N, C-alpha and C. Protein backbone atom coordinates (compact mmCIF):
# COMPACT_ATOMS: atom_id res chain seq x y z
N MET A 1 0.75 -1.14 0.03
CA MET A 1 0.11 0.02 -0.16
C MET A 1 0.72 1.10 -0.02
N SER A 2 0.47 2.20 -1.05
CA SER A 2 1.43 3.36 -0.92
C SER A 2 1.01 4.32 -0.09
N LYS A 3 1.95 5.51 0.24
CA LYS A 3 1.57 6.47 0.95
C LYS A 3 0.36 7.27 0.65
N LYS A 4 0.43 7.37 -0.55
CA LYS A 4 -0.62 8.28 -1.29
C LYS A 4 -2.01 7.79 -0.76
N THR A 5 -2.46 6.51 -1.26
CA THR A 5 -3.52 6.04 -1.10
C THR A 5 -3.93 5.64 0.68
N PHE A 6 -2.88 5.39 1.48
CA PHE A 6 -3.10 5.20 2.73
C PHE A 6 -3.58 6.81 3.37
N LEU A 7 -3.05 7.88 2.87
CA LEU A 7 -3.53 9.20 3.12
C LEU A 7 -4.86 9.32 2.65
N ARG A 8 -5.23 9.17 1.53
CA ARG A 8 -6.43 9.26 0.98
C ARG A 8 -7.68 8.39 1.84
N LYS A 9 -7.02 7.40 2.02
CA LYS A 9 -8.04 6.07 3.32
C LYS A 9 -8.26 6.95 4.51
N ILE A 10 -7.12 7.61 5.01
CA ILE A 10 -7.28 8.07 6.33
C ILE A 10 -8.17 9.45 6.30
N ASP A 11 -8.05 10.21 5.27
CA ASP A 11 -8.94 11.40 4.80
C ASP A 11 -10.44 10.94 4.70
N ARG A 12 -10.54 9.86 4.13
CA ARG A 12 -12.02 9.29 3.76
C ARG A 12 -12.60 8.91 4.96
N GLU A 13 -11.94 8.28 5.72
CA GLU A 13 -12.25 8.12 7.35
C GLU A 13 -12.63 9.23 8.51
N THR A 14 -11.66 9.87 8.25
CA THR A 14 -11.71 11.04 9.23
C THR A 14 -12.57 12.40 8.92
N THR A 15 -12.84 12.51 7.59
CA THR A 15 -13.38 13.92 7.13
C THR A 15 -15.00 13.76 7.83
N PRO A 16 -15.69 12.76 7.37
CA PRO A 16 -16.99 12.40 8.03
C PRO A 16 -16.92 12.66 9.59
N ARG A 17 -16.15 11.99 10.22
CA ARG A 17 -15.82 12.38 12.07
C ARG A 17 -15.76 13.48 12.18
N LEU A 18 -14.92 14.13 11.67
CA LEU A 18 -14.67 15.80 12.12
C LEU A 18 -15.96 16.38 11.82
N ALA A 19 -16.64 16.10 10.70
CA ALA A 19 -17.76 16.87 10.33
C ALA A 19 -18.74 16.76 11.55
N GLY A 20 -18.86 15.39 12.02
CA GLY A 20 -19.67 15.25 13.03
C GLY A 20 -19.39 15.71 14.35
N VAL A 21 -18.09 15.85 14.64
CA VAL A 21 -17.60 16.63 15.77
C VAL A 21 -18.03 18.00 15.82
N CYS A 22 -17.71 18.61 14.66
CA CYS A 22 -18.17 20.20 14.58
C CYS A 22 -19.58 20.32 14.82
N VAL A 23 -20.54 19.47 14.41
CA VAL A 23 -21.62 19.80 14.29
C VAL A 23 -22.25 19.39 15.81
N ASN A 24 -21.66 18.40 16.45
CA ASN A 24 -21.98 18.31 17.96
C ASN A 24 -21.41 19.56 18.83
N ALA A 25 -20.37 19.94 18.64
CA ALA A 25 -19.79 21.09 19.29
C ALA A 25 -20.62 22.57 19.16
N MET A 26 -21.15 22.57 17.65
CA MET A 26 -22.06 23.92 17.59
C MET A 26 -23.63 23.47 18.33
N TYR A 27 -24.04 22.30 18.46
CA TYR A 27 -25.10 22.18 19.09
C TYR A 27 -25.19 22.34 20.73
N LEU A 28 -23.82 21.91 21.14
CA LEU A 28 -23.35 21.98 22.71
C LEU A 28 -23.27 23.43 22.97
N ILE A 29 -22.61 24.19 21.92
CA ILE A 29 -22.43 25.57 22.32
C ILE A 29 -23.79 26.44 22.43
N ARG A 30 -24.81 26.31 21.54
CA ARG A 30 -25.89 26.70 21.24
C ARG A 30 -26.90 26.35 22.45
N PHE A 31 -26.57 24.93 23.04
CA PHE A 31 -27.38 24.59 24.34
C PHE A 31 -26.47 25.42 25.48
N GLY A 32 -25.69 25.53 25.60
CA GLY A 32 -24.87 25.97 26.82
C GLY A 32 -25.39 27.47 26.94
N ILE A 33 -25.27 28.35 25.68
CA ILE A 33 -25.73 29.54 25.49
C ILE A 33 -27.27 29.89 26.11
N LEU A 34 -27.96 29.02 25.60
CA LEU A 34 -29.55 28.99 26.09
C LEU A 34 -29.50 28.64 27.70
N PHE A 35 -28.56 27.82 28.01
CA PHE A 35 -28.72 27.48 29.47
C PHE A 35 -28.24 28.64 30.03
N ILE A 36 -27.21 29.40 29.92
CA ILE A 36 -26.65 30.47 30.59
C ILE A 36 -27.98 31.39 30.75
N ILE A 37 -28.38 31.71 29.47
CA ILE A 37 -29.36 32.94 29.38
C ILE A 37 -30.52 32.31 30.42
N PHE A 38 -31.07 31.52 30.33
CA PHE A 38 -32.07 30.61 31.28
C PHE A 38 -31.86 30.89 32.66
N LYS A 39 -30.36 30.61 33.08
CA LYS A 39 -29.88 30.90 34.35
C LYS A 39 -29.96 32.22 34.82
N ILE A 40 -29.79 33.00 33.87
CA ILE A 40 -29.62 34.63 34.41
C ILE A 40 -31.11 34.98 34.60
N PHE A 41 -32.01 34.67 33.70
CA PHE A 41 -33.50 34.91 33.80
C PHE A 41 -33.93 34.60 35.20
N MET A 42 -33.50 33.27 35.55
CA MET A 42 -34.28 32.54 36.67
C MET A 42 -33.57 33.26 37.99
N LEU A 43 -32.36 33.69 38.03
CA LEU A 43 -31.63 34.44 39.15
C LEU A 43 -32.17 35.71 39.19
N ASN A 44 -32.74 36.43 38.30
CA ASN A 44 -33.30 37.95 38.37
C ASN A 44 -34.62 37.94 39.13
C-alpha cells in the first residue's frame, strides 16, 4: 500500500467524523448559551 492511497484512506475516514464533531460542538455551544441565558433570567 503506497503512502498516497493510505493518506486518502485516512482522509476518507476522518473527514465525516470531523464534520460530526463540528456539528456536535455547535449544538453543545448553542445549548450552553441557552442554558446560561435561562439561568440569568431565573436568578433575576
